[in-house]
Amino acid sequence: MASNADPKRIAILVLLLVAFAAVAVYRLRPALVPSVAVGGGKVAQVGSYTVPVLGWERAHQRAVPTPRSGRSLFTFSAPPTPTPDRRPTTPPPPPPPPPPTPTRPGIYVDGKWILPPPPPFTMSYLGWLGPDRLPVAVFRDGDDVLAVPVGETVKQRFVVREVGPTGVTVGFVGYPNDVTSKVPLAR
C-alpha cells in the first residue's frame, strides 16, 4: 500500500497530522497543567499586570436600585411637545381674476358708446362680375338676385366696400367707414 501511495499525498497527510496535534495541545493545555486550572485562590498574573480582586461573590445577589419615575397609568400628565413640521409650505393660490365687466353691444368711439350694433347682413354672396378694376358683387336675397357695384347701397342699410373672389366687405349706412362686416362666399 505504501508503494502505491503518491509522495504528495503522504506529505499532505503528515501536515494534517501535525496541525491536528498542534490544535489539540493548544486546546487541552489548561487541563494538562494543574496549577493553572486550580488557581489555588491566587490571583492570576499575566506579565506585570495583576487582576484586581472585586469585593463581591457570585453567590450573593446584587440589589440594583430602580429609579421611581412617579408615573401612574391612571392619571394624565402634560402632553408631549409637538414635533415641528419640516415640510415646505406652499404659498396660497392667487385670487381668481375679477370677472370682466359686461359691455353693451354697439359702436364705441373714445370709450363712449355712440351707436347701437349694426344690423345683421342676411343675404348670401354668390360671387363677382366684371373686370378687376370695377368688380360687381352678386347677392341672393330669397328669390331675388342683386348685382351691386363697389360703393353702392343694398336695401338702404348696407354699403359694398370691397369685393373679392372669396368674400365681400360690407359697411353700414350711418356708421363710420371702419365699421365693416366680412361676408364669405356662399356654398
N, C-alpha and C. Protein backbone atom coordinates (compact mmCIF):
# COMPACT_ATOMS: atom_id res chain seq x y z
N MET A 1 0.82 -1.17 0.00
CA MET A 1 0.00 0.00 0.00
C MET A 1 0.87 1.24 0.00
N ALA A 2 1.94 1.23 0.73
CA ALA A 2 2.83 2.37 0.77
C ALA A 2 3.56 2.53 -0.54
N SER A 3 3.75 1.45 -1.27
CA SER A 3 4.46 1.54 -2.54
C SER A 3 3.61 2.22 -3.61
N ASN A 4 2.30 2.09 -3.51
CA ASN A 4 1.40 2.72 -4.49
C ASN A 4 1.04 4.16 -4.12
N ALA A 5 1.39 4.61 -2.94
CA ALA A 5 1.00 5.95 -2.47
C ALA A 5 1.82 7.02 -3.17
N ASP A 6 1.19 8.11 -3.40
CA ASP A 6 1.82 9.25 -4.06
C ASP A 6 2.58 10.06 -3.00
N PRO A 7 3.79 10.56 -3.28
CA PRO A 7 4.53 11.32 -2.27
C PRO A 7 3.81 12.62 -1.88
N LYS A 8 3.06 13.22 -2.77
CA LYS A 8 2.33 14.44 -2.43
C LYS A 8 1.24 14.14 -1.41
N ARG A 9 0.57 13.02 -1.58
CA ARG A 9 -0.48 12.65 -0.64
C ARG A 9 0.10 12.39 0.75
N ILE A 10 1.22 11.75 0.80
CA ILE A 10 1.85 11.44 2.09
C ILE A 10 2.24 12.75 2.77
N ALA A 11 2.78 13.71 2.03
CA ALA A 11 3.18 14.98 2.62
C ALA A 11 1.97 15.74 3.15
N ILE A 12 0.88 15.70 2.46
CA ILE A 12 -0.34 16.37 2.90
C ILE A 12 -0.87 15.71 4.17
N LEU A 13 -0.85 14.39 4.23
CA LEU A 13 -1.32 13.68 5.43
C LEU A 13 -0.45 14.01 6.63
N VAL A 14 0.85 14.08 6.45
CA VAL A 14 1.76 14.41 7.56
C VAL A 14 1.47 15.84 8.05
N LEU A 15 1.27 16.78 7.15
CA LEU A 15 0.97 18.16 7.54
C LEU A 15 -0.36 18.24 8.30
N LEU A 16 -1.34 17.50 7.87
CA LEU A 16 -2.63 17.49 8.56
C LEU A 16 -2.49 16.92 9.97
N LEU A 17 -1.70 15.86 10.14
CA LEU A 17 -1.49 15.27 11.47
C LEU A 17 -0.77 16.24 12.39
N VAL A 18 0.22 16.95 11.88
CA VAL A 18 0.95 17.92 12.70
C VAL A 18 0.01 19.07 13.11
N ALA A 19 -0.82 19.55 12.20
CA ALA A 19 -1.75 20.63 12.52
C ALA A 19 -2.77 20.16 13.55
N PHE A 20 -3.26 18.95 13.42
CA PHE A 20 -4.21 18.41 14.39
C PHE A 20 -3.59 18.30 15.77
N ALA A 21 -2.37 17.84 15.83
CA ALA A 21 -1.68 17.72 17.12
C ALA A 21 -1.47 19.09 17.75
N ALA A 22 -1.14 20.11 16.95
CA ALA A 22 -0.92 21.45 17.50
C ALA A 22 -2.22 22.02 18.05
N VAL A 23 -3.32 21.83 17.38
CA VAL A 23 -4.61 22.32 17.86
C VAL A 23 -5.01 21.59 19.13
N ALA A 24 -4.79 20.30 19.19
CA ALA A 24 -5.16 19.53 20.38
C ALA A 24 -4.33 19.97 21.58
N VAL A 25 -3.05 20.20 21.41
CA VAL A 25 -2.21 20.64 22.53
C VAL A 25 -2.64 22.04 22.98
N TYR A 26 -2.94 22.90 22.06
CA TYR A 26 -3.33 24.26 22.41
C TYR A 26 -4.64 24.27 23.19
N ARG A 27 -5.60 23.44 22.77
CA ARG A 27 -6.90 23.38 23.43
C ARG A 27 -6.84 22.68 24.79
N LEU A 28 -6.06 21.65 24.89
CA LEU A 28 -6.04 20.84 26.11
C LEU A 28 -4.97 21.28 27.09
N ARG A 29 -4.20 22.26 26.81
CA ARG A 29 -3.08 22.67 27.67
C ARG A 29 -3.54 23.10 29.07
N PRO A 30 -4.63 23.92 29.24
CA PRO A 30 -5.02 24.25 30.61
C PRO A 30 -5.37 23.02 31.44
N ALA A 31 -5.93 22.01 30.84
CA ALA A 31 -6.25 20.80 31.60
C ALA A 31 -5.00 19.99 31.91
N LEU A 32 -3.99 20.12 31.07
CA LEU A 32 -2.76 19.35 31.29
C LEU A 32 -1.91 19.98 32.38
N VAL A 33 -1.96 21.28 32.55
CA VAL A 33 -1.16 21.96 33.57
C VAL A 33 -2.06 22.18 34.78
N PRO A 34 -1.84 21.47 35.91
CA PRO A 34 -2.76 21.57 37.04
C PRO A 34 -2.69 22.90 37.77
N SER A 35 -1.61 23.61 37.76
CA SER A 35 -1.53 24.85 38.53
C SER A 35 -2.38 25.96 37.93
N VAL A 36 -2.54 25.95 36.66
CA VAL A 36 -3.35 26.99 36.01
C VAL A 36 -4.82 26.72 36.22
N ALA A 37 -5.25 25.45 36.15
CA ALA A 37 -6.66 25.11 36.24
C ALA A 37 -7.20 25.35 37.64
N VAL A 38 -6.46 24.98 38.67
CA VAL A 38 -6.97 25.08 40.02
C VAL A 38 -6.86 26.51 40.52
N GLY A 39 -5.74 27.12 40.31
CA GLY A 39 -5.56 28.51 40.71
C GLY A 39 -5.20 28.64 42.17
N GLY A 40 -5.68 27.82 43.03
CA GLY A 40 -5.34 27.82 44.45
C GLY A 40 -5.69 29.12 45.14
N GLY A 41 -6.67 29.87 44.66
CA GLY A 41 -7.04 31.12 45.31
C GLY A 41 -6.09 32.25 45.01
N LYS A 42 -5.12 31.99 44.21
CA LYS A 42 -4.17 33.04 43.88
C LYS A 42 -4.72 33.88 42.73
N VAL A 43 -4.22 35.07 42.63
CA VAL A 43 -4.60 35.96 41.55
C VAL A 43 -3.74 35.61 40.35
N ALA A 44 -4.38 35.41 39.21
CA ALA A 44 -3.63 35.08 38.00
C ALA A 44 -2.82 36.28 37.59
N GLN A 45 -1.60 36.01 37.20
CA GLN A 45 -0.71 37.09 36.82
C GLN A 45 -0.24 36.86 35.40
N VAL A 46 -0.44 37.88 34.58
CA VAL A 46 0.00 37.82 33.20
C VAL A 46 0.93 38.99 33.00
N GLY A 47 2.16 38.71 32.77
CA GLY A 47 3.13 39.78 32.62
C GLY A 47 3.26 40.54 33.93
N SER A 48 3.29 41.85 33.87
CA SER A 48 3.43 42.67 35.07
C SER A 48 2.07 43.15 35.59
N TYR A 49 0.98 42.84 34.88
CA TYR A 49 -0.35 43.30 35.28
C TYR A 49 -1.00 42.26 36.16
N THR A 50 -1.62 42.71 37.24
CA THR A 50 -2.35 41.81 38.12
C THR A 50 -3.83 42.15 38.04
N VAL A 51 -4.65 41.14 38.08
CA VAL A 51 -6.10 41.32 38.01
C VAL A 51 -6.59 41.70 39.39
N PRO A 52 -7.31 42.81 39.54
CA PRO A 52 -7.77 43.20 40.88
C PRO A 52 -8.87 42.27 41.37
N VAL A 53 -8.96 42.11 42.66
CA VAL A 53 -9.99 41.27 43.28
C VAL A 53 -11.17 42.17 43.60
N LEU A 54 -12.34 41.77 43.13
CA LEU A 54 -13.55 42.55 43.39
C LEU A 54 -14.12 42.14 44.72
N GLY A 55 -14.84 43.01 45.37
CA GLY A 55 -15.34 42.75 46.70
C GLY A 55 -16.68 42.07 46.75
N TRP A 56 -17.04 41.31 45.81
CA TRP A 56 -18.32 40.61 45.87
C TRP A 56 -18.16 39.20 45.34
N GLU A 57 -19.04 38.35 45.76
CA GLU A 57 -19.00 36.96 45.32
C GLU A 57 -20.22 36.71 44.45
N ARG A 58 -20.12 35.72 43.64
CA ARG A 58 -21.22 35.42 42.72
C ARG A 58 -22.43 34.83 43.45
N ALA A 59 -22.22 34.27 44.59
CA ALA A 59 -23.32 33.62 45.31
C ALA A 59 -24.34 34.64 45.80
N HIS A 60 -23.92 35.83 46.11
CA HIS A 60 -24.84 36.86 46.62
C HIS A 60 -25.48 37.61 45.46
N GLN A 61 -26.76 37.90 45.63
CA GLN A 61 -27.48 38.68 44.63
C GLN A 61 -27.23 40.16 44.89
N ARG A 62 -26.99 40.90 43.83
CA ARG A 62 -26.81 42.34 43.96
C ARG A 62 -28.17 43.01 43.96
N ALA A 63 -28.33 43.97 44.78
CA ALA A 63 -29.56 44.76 44.79
C ALA A 63 -29.34 45.99 43.92
N VAL A 64 -30.02 46.02 42.81
CA VAL A 64 -29.88 47.14 41.89
C VAL A 64 -31.01 48.12 42.17
N PRO A 65 -30.70 49.35 42.49
CA PRO A 65 -31.78 50.30 42.79
C PRO A 65 -32.52 50.64 41.50
N THR A 66 -33.85 50.67 41.57
CA THR A 66 -34.67 51.04 40.41
C THR A 66 -35.19 52.45 40.64
N PRO A 67 -34.99 53.31 39.70
CA PRO A 67 -35.47 54.68 39.89
C PRO A 67 -36.98 54.73 39.78
N ARG A 68 -37.61 55.50 40.66
CA ARG A 68 -39.06 55.65 40.61
C ARG A 68 -39.38 56.86 39.75
N SER A 69 -40.18 56.63 38.76
CA SER A 69 -40.50 57.73 37.86
C SER A 69 -41.69 58.54 38.34
N GLY A 70 -42.47 57.99 39.24
CA GLY A 70 -43.63 58.72 39.73
C GLY A 70 -44.75 58.75 38.69
N ARG A 71 -44.71 57.88 37.74
CA ARG A 71 -45.72 57.87 36.68
C ARG A 71 -46.83 56.89 37.04
N SER A 72 -48.04 57.32 36.86
CA SER A 72 -49.19 56.46 37.12
C SER A 72 -49.92 56.22 35.81
N LEU A 73 -50.36 55.00 35.64
CA LEU A 73 -51.08 54.67 34.41
C LEU A 73 -52.48 55.26 34.38
N PHE A 74 -52.96 55.68 35.54
CA PHE A 74 -54.35 56.12 35.63
C PHE A 74 -54.51 57.63 35.70
N THR A 75 -53.43 58.38 35.60
CA THR A 75 -53.53 59.84 35.62
C THR A 75 -52.90 60.39 34.34
N PHE A 76 -53.38 61.56 33.96
CA PHE A 76 -52.85 62.21 32.77
C PHE A 76 -51.74 63.16 33.16
N SER A 77 -50.78 63.31 32.27
CA SER A 77 -49.71 64.27 32.50
C SER A 77 -49.71 65.26 31.35
N ALA A 78 -48.74 66.13 31.35
CA ALA A 78 -48.66 67.14 30.29
C ALA A 78 -48.40 66.45 28.95
N PRO A 79 -49.05 66.91 27.89
CA PRO A 79 -48.82 66.26 26.59
C PRO A 79 -47.41 66.55 26.10
N PRO A 80 -46.89 65.67 25.27
CA PRO A 80 -45.54 65.91 24.74
C PRO A 80 -45.54 67.11 23.80
N THR A 81 -44.40 67.70 23.66
CA THR A 81 -44.30 68.85 22.76
C THR A 81 -44.44 68.37 21.32
N PRO A 82 -45.19 69.08 20.52
CA PRO A 82 -45.38 68.63 19.13
C PRO A 82 -44.09 68.80 18.34
N THR A 83 -43.91 67.90 17.41
CA THR A 83 -42.73 68.00 16.54
C THR A 83 -43.03 69.00 15.44
N PRO A 84 -42.08 69.84 15.11
CA PRO A 84 -42.33 70.84 14.06
C PRO A 84 -42.44 70.17 12.69
N ASP A 85 -43.31 70.73 11.88
CA ASP A 85 -43.49 70.22 10.52
C ASP A 85 -42.41 70.83 9.63
N ARG A 86 -41.53 70.00 9.12
CA ARG A 86 -40.39 70.49 8.35
C ARG A 86 -40.67 70.54 6.85
N ARG A 87 -41.87 70.18 6.44
CA ARG A 87 -42.20 70.25 5.02
C ARG A 87 -42.35 71.71 4.60
N PRO A 88 -41.93 72.03 3.40
CA PRO A 88 -42.09 73.43 2.96
C PRO A 88 -43.57 73.74 2.75
N THR A 89 -43.94 74.93 3.13
CA THR A 89 -45.33 75.33 2.95
C THR A 89 -45.49 75.96 1.58
N THR A 90 -46.56 75.59 0.93
CA THR A 90 -46.82 76.15 -0.39
C THR A 90 -47.58 77.47 -0.21
N PRO A 91 -47.27 78.46 -1.01
CA PRO A 91 -47.99 79.73 -0.87
C PRO A 91 -49.44 79.54 -1.32
N PRO A 92 -50.34 80.31 -0.76
CA PRO A 92 -51.74 80.16 -1.18
C PRO A 92 -51.89 80.55 -2.64
N PRO A 93 -52.84 79.92 -3.32
CA PRO A 93 -53.01 80.26 -4.74
C PRO A 93 -53.47 81.71 -4.89
N PRO A 94 -53.09 82.32 -5.99
CA PRO A 94 -53.50 83.71 -6.19
C PRO A 94 -55.02 83.80 -6.35
N PRO A 95 -55.59 84.91 -5.99
CA PRO A 95 -57.04 85.04 -6.14
C PRO A 95 -57.42 85.01 -7.62
N PRO A 96 -58.62 84.53 -7.91
CA PRO A 96 -59.03 84.48 -9.32
C PRO A 96 -59.16 85.89 -9.88
N PRO A 97 -58.97 86.02 -11.17
CA PRO A 97 -59.09 87.35 -11.77
C PRO A 97 -60.54 87.84 -11.66
N PRO A 98 -60.72 89.12 -11.57
CA PRO A 98 -62.09 89.62 -11.46
C PRO A 98 -62.86 89.35 -12.75
N PRO A 99 -64.15 89.13 -12.64
CA PRO A 99 -64.92 88.88 -13.86
C PRO A 99 -64.93 90.13 -14.74
N PRO A 100 -64.94 89.93 -16.04
CA PRO A 100 -64.93 91.10 -16.93
C PRO A 100 -66.24 91.88 -16.80
N THR A 101 -66.12 93.16 -16.94
CA THR A 101 -67.32 93.99 -16.87
C THR A 101 -68.06 93.86 -18.20
N PRO A 102 -69.34 93.61 -18.14
CA PRO A 102 -70.07 93.45 -19.40
C PRO A 102 -70.14 94.79 -20.14
N THR A 103 -70.00 94.70 -21.45
CA THR A 103 -70.09 95.90 -22.29
C THR A 103 -71.36 95.83 -23.12
N ARG A 104 -71.97 96.94 -23.27
CA ARG A 104 -73.17 96.99 -24.09
C ARG A 104 -72.79 96.82 -25.55
N PRO A 105 -73.59 96.11 -26.32
CA PRO A 105 -73.26 95.99 -27.75
C PRO A 105 -73.44 97.34 -28.43
N GLY A 106 -72.59 97.59 -29.39
CA GLY A 106 -72.69 98.83 -30.13
C GLY A 106 -71.32 99.31 -30.55
N ILE A 107 -71.25 100.54 -31.04
CA ILE A 107 -70.01 101.13 -31.53
C ILE A 107 -69.50 102.09 -30.46
N TYR A 108 -68.23 101.95 -30.10
CA TYR A 108 -67.59 102.81 -29.11
C TYR A 108 -66.55 103.67 -29.80
N VAL A 109 -66.57 104.95 -29.52
CA VAL A 109 -65.58 105.88 -30.02
C VAL A 109 -65.02 106.62 -28.82
N ASP A 110 -63.70 106.55 -28.62
CA ASP A 110 -63.02 107.17 -27.48
C ASP A 110 -63.61 106.71 -26.15
N GLY A 111 -64.01 105.45 -26.06
CA GLY A 111 -64.53 104.90 -24.82
C GLY A 111 -65.97 105.26 -24.53
N LYS A 112 -66.66 105.96 -25.44
CA LYS A 112 -68.05 106.34 -25.21
C LYS A 112 -68.93 105.58 -26.21
N TRP A 113 -70.05 105.12 -25.71
CA TRP A 113 -70.98 104.39 -26.57
C TRP A 113 -71.76 105.41 -27.39
N ILE A 114 -71.69 105.23 -28.72
CA ILE A 114 -72.34 106.20 -29.60
C ILE A 114 -73.49 105.58 -30.38
N LEU A 115 -73.23 104.46 -31.06
CA LEU A 115 -74.23 103.86 -31.95
C LEU A 115 -74.60 102.46 -31.49
N PRO A 116 -75.82 102.03 -31.79
CA PRO A 116 -76.20 100.65 -31.47
C PRO A 116 -75.47 99.69 -32.41
N PRO A 117 -75.49 98.40 -32.12
CA PRO A 117 -74.81 97.45 -33.01
C PRO A 117 -75.42 97.49 -34.41
N PRO A 118 -74.59 97.25 -35.43
CA PRO A 118 -75.12 97.29 -36.80
C PRO A 118 -76.09 96.14 -37.05
N PRO A 119 -76.99 96.31 -38.02
CA PRO A 119 -77.95 95.24 -38.30
C PRO A 119 -77.25 94.04 -38.95
N PRO A 120 -77.80 92.85 -38.79
CA PRO A 120 -77.17 91.66 -39.40
C PRO A 120 -77.37 91.66 -40.91
N PHE A 121 -76.36 91.15 -41.61
CA PHE A 121 -76.41 91.03 -43.07
C PHE A 121 -76.97 89.65 -43.39
N THR A 122 -78.17 89.57 -43.98
CA THR A 122 -78.87 88.29 -44.16
C THR A 122 -78.75 87.73 -45.57
N MET A 123 -78.22 88.49 -46.51
CA MET A 123 -78.12 87.99 -47.89
C MET A 123 -76.87 87.12 -48.03
N SER A 124 -76.88 86.25 -49.04
CA SER A 124 -75.71 85.40 -49.29
C SER A 124 -74.96 85.93 -50.51
N TYR A 125 -73.62 85.85 -50.45
CA TYR A 125 -72.75 86.35 -51.51
C TYR A 125 -72.50 85.21 -52.49
N LEU A 126 -72.89 85.42 -53.77
CA LEU A 126 -72.76 84.37 -54.79
C LEU A 126 -71.47 84.47 -55.57
N GLY A 127 -70.90 85.66 -55.71
CA GLY A 127 -69.66 85.83 -56.47
C GLY A 127 -69.56 87.25 -56.98
N TRP A 128 -68.68 87.45 -57.97
CA TRP A 128 -68.48 88.79 -58.51
C TRP A 128 -68.39 88.73 -60.02
N LEU A 129 -68.70 89.89 -60.67
CA LEU A 129 -68.69 90.02 -62.13
C LEU A 129 -67.84 91.23 -62.49
N GLY A 130 -67.45 91.30 -63.77
CA GLY A 130 -66.77 92.48 -64.28
C GLY A 130 -65.26 92.40 -64.15
N PRO A 131 -64.58 93.46 -64.63
CA PRO A 131 -63.12 93.48 -64.58
C PRO A 131 -62.63 93.73 -63.14
N ASP A 132 -61.34 93.54 -62.95
CA ASP A 132 -60.75 93.69 -61.61
C ASP A 132 -60.85 95.13 -61.10
N ARG A 133 -60.81 96.10 -62.00
CA ARG A 133 -60.84 97.49 -61.54
C ARG A 133 -62.25 97.95 -61.19
N LEU A 134 -63.30 97.29 -61.71
CA LEU A 134 -64.70 97.64 -61.40
C LEU A 134 -65.50 96.37 -61.09
N PRO A 135 -65.24 95.72 -59.96
CA PRO A 135 -65.98 94.48 -59.68
C PRO A 135 -67.42 94.79 -59.23
N VAL A 136 -68.29 93.83 -59.51
CA VAL A 136 -69.70 93.94 -59.12
C VAL A 136 -70.03 92.71 -58.29
N ALA A 137 -70.56 92.91 -57.07
CA ALA A 137 -70.90 91.80 -56.19
C ALA A 137 -72.29 91.30 -56.52
N VAL A 138 -72.48 89.98 -56.47
CA VAL A 138 -73.77 89.37 -56.76
C VAL A 138 -74.28 88.73 -55.46
N PHE A 139 -75.49 89.16 -55.04
CA PHE A 139 -76.10 88.67 -53.80
C PHE A 139 -77.41 87.98 -54.11
N ARG A 140 -77.83 87.09 -53.21
CA ARG A 140 -79.15 86.48 -53.32
C ARG A 140 -79.91 86.80 -52.05
N ASP A 141 -81.11 87.35 -52.24
CA ASP A 141 -81.99 87.69 -51.12
C ASP A 141 -83.29 86.95 -51.34
N GLY A 142 -83.41 85.75 -50.78
CA GLY A 142 -84.59 84.91 -51.03
C GLY A 142 -84.58 84.45 -52.48
N ASP A 143 -85.61 84.87 -53.30
CA ASP A 143 -85.66 84.52 -54.72
C ASP A 143 -85.06 85.62 -55.59
N ASP A 144 -84.69 86.75 -55.04
CA ASP A 144 -84.14 87.86 -55.81
C ASP A 144 -82.62 87.74 -55.90
N VAL A 145 -82.06 88.13 -57.06
CA VAL A 145 -80.61 88.19 -57.26
C VAL A 145 -80.28 89.65 -57.52
N LEU A 146 -79.30 90.17 -56.74
CA LEU A 146 -78.93 91.58 -56.83
C LEU A 146 -77.49 91.69 -57.29
N ALA A 147 -77.20 92.59 -58.23
CA ALA A 147 -75.84 92.90 -58.67
C ALA A 147 -75.54 94.31 -58.20
N VAL A 148 -74.52 94.46 -57.32
CA VAL A 148 -74.24 95.76 -56.70
C VAL A 148 -72.77 96.09 -56.91
N PRO A 149 -72.44 97.26 -57.54
CA PRO A 149 -71.04 97.66 -57.70
C PRO A 149 -70.49 98.20 -56.37
N VAL A 150 -69.17 98.35 -56.31
CA VAL A 150 -68.49 98.85 -55.10
C VAL A 150 -68.92 100.29 -54.85
N GLY A 151 -69.27 100.59 -53.59
CA GLY A 151 -69.67 101.94 -53.20
C GLY A 151 -71.17 102.15 -53.19
N GLU A 152 -71.96 101.26 -53.74
CA GLU A 152 -73.42 101.41 -53.78
C GLU A 152 -74.04 100.78 -52.53
N THR A 153 -75.30 101.18 -52.26
CA THR A 153 -76.01 100.65 -51.10
C THR A 153 -76.93 99.52 -51.51
N VAL A 154 -77.18 98.63 -50.54
CA VAL A 154 -78.08 97.49 -50.74
C VAL A 154 -79.16 97.59 -49.67
N LYS A 155 -80.41 97.62 -50.08
CA LYS A 155 -81.56 97.68 -49.18
C LYS A 155 -81.50 98.90 -48.26
N GLN A 156 -80.92 99.96 -48.68
CA GLN A 156 -80.80 101.22 -47.96
C GLN A 156 -80.16 101.08 -46.56
N ARG A 157 -79.50 99.94 -46.29
CA ARG A 157 -78.87 99.75 -44.98
C ARG A 157 -77.40 99.36 -45.09
N PHE A 158 -76.98 98.74 -46.20
CA PHE A 158 -75.63 98.21 -46.33
C PHE A 158 -74.91 98.89 -47.49
N VAL A 159 -73.59 99.07 -47.37
CA VAL A 159 -72.76 99.66 -48.41
C VAL A 159 -71.69 98.64 -48.76
N VAL A 160 -71.54 98.34 -50.06
CA VAL A 160 -70.50 97.41 -50.50
C VAL A 160 -69.18 98.17 -50.52
N ARG A 161 -68.22 97.78 -49.69
CA ARG A 161 -66.93 98.47 -49.58
C ARG A 161 -65.86 97.83 -50.45
N GLU A 162 -65.80 96.49 -50.46
CA GLU A 162 -64.73 95.81 -51.19
C GLU A 162 -65.27 94.46 -51.67
N VAL A 163 -64.90 94.08 -52.92
CA VAL A 163 -65.36 92.82 -53.50
C VAL A 163 -64.13 91.98 -53.82
N GLY A 164 -64.17 90.70 -53.43
CA GLY A 164 -63.07 89.78 -53.72
C GLY A 164 -63.61 88.44 -54.18
N PRO A 165 -62.73 87.54 -54.63
CA PRO A 165 -63.20 86.24 -55.11
C PRO A 165 -63.72 85.34 -54.00
N THR A 166 -63.28 85.54 -52.75
CA THR A 166 -63.72 84.65 -51.67
C THR A 166 -64.69 85.30 -50.70
N GLY A 167 -64.90 86.60 -50.82
CA GLY A 167 -65.81 87.27 -49.90
C GLY A 167 -65.97 88.73 -50.25
N VAL A 168 -66.91 89.38 -49.58
CA VAL A 168 -67.19 90.79 -49.80
C VAL A 168 -67.20 91.49 -48.43
N THR A 169 -66.68 92.73 -48.41
CA THR A 169 -66.69 93.54 -47.20
C THR A 169 -67.84 94.52 -47.31
N VAL A 170 -68.71 94.50 -46.30
CA VAL A 170 -69.92 95.31 -46.31
C VAL A 170 -69.85 96.30 -45.16
N GLY A 171 -70.14 97.58 -45.44
CA GLY A 171 -70.26 98.60 -44.41
C GLY A 171 -71.73 98.88 -44.14
N PHE A 172 -71.98 99.79 -43.21
CA PHE A 172 -73.35 100.06 -42.80
C PHE A 172 -73.65 101.55 -42.96
N VAL A 173 -74.86 101.86 -43.42
CA VAL A 173 -75.27 103.25 -43.63
C VAL A 173 -75.43 103.92 -42.27
N GLY A 174 -74.80 105.10 -42.13
CA GLY A 174 -74.89 105.85 -40.88
C GLY A 174 -73.82 105.48 -39.86
N TYR A 175 -72.90 104.59 -40.20
CA TYR A 175 -71.82 104.18 -39.29
C TYR A 175 -70.49 104.64 -39.87
N PRO A 176 -69.44 104.72 -39.05
CA PRO A 176 -68.13 105.11 -39.59
C PRO A 176 -67.63 104.09 -40.62
N ASN A 177 -66.67 104.52 -41.48
CA ASN A 177 -66.17 103.65 -42.55
C ASN A 177 -65.40 102.43 -42.02
N ASP A 178 -64.86 102.51 -40.79
CA ASP A 178 -64.10 101.37 -40.28
C ASP A 178 -65.00 100.29 -39.65
N VAL A 179 -66.30 100.53 -39.54
CA VAL A 179 -67.22 99.51 -39.03
C VAL A 179 -67.70 98.70 -40.23
N THR A 180 -67.13 97.50 -40.39
CA THR A 180 -67.46 96.65 -41.55
C THR A 180 -67.74 95.23 -41.09
N SER A 181 -68.24 94.45 -42.02
CA SER A 181 -68.50 93.03 -41.78
C SER A 181 -68.04 92.27 -43.01
N LYS A 182 -67.37 91.15 -42.80
CA LYS A 182 -66.87 90.33 -43.92
C LYS A 182 -67.89 89.23 -44.17
N VAL A 183 -68.38 89.14 -45.42
CA VAL A 183 -69.36 88.12 -45.79
C VAL A 183 -68.65 87.12 -46.71
N PRO A 184 -68.57 85.84 -46.32
CA PRO A 184 -67.86 84.87 -47.15
C PRO A 184 -68.71 84.44 -48.35
N LEU A 185 -68.05 83.81 -49.30
CA LEU A 185 -68.71 83.26 -50.49
C LEU A 185 -69.63 82.12 -50.07
N ALA A 186 -70.88 82.12 -50.56
CA ALA A 186 -71.84 81.08 -50.20
C ALA A 186 -71.49 79.78 -50.91
N ARG A 187 -71.82 78.71 -50.32
CA ARG A 187 -71.52 77.39 -50.92
C ARG A 187 -72.75 76.80 -51.52
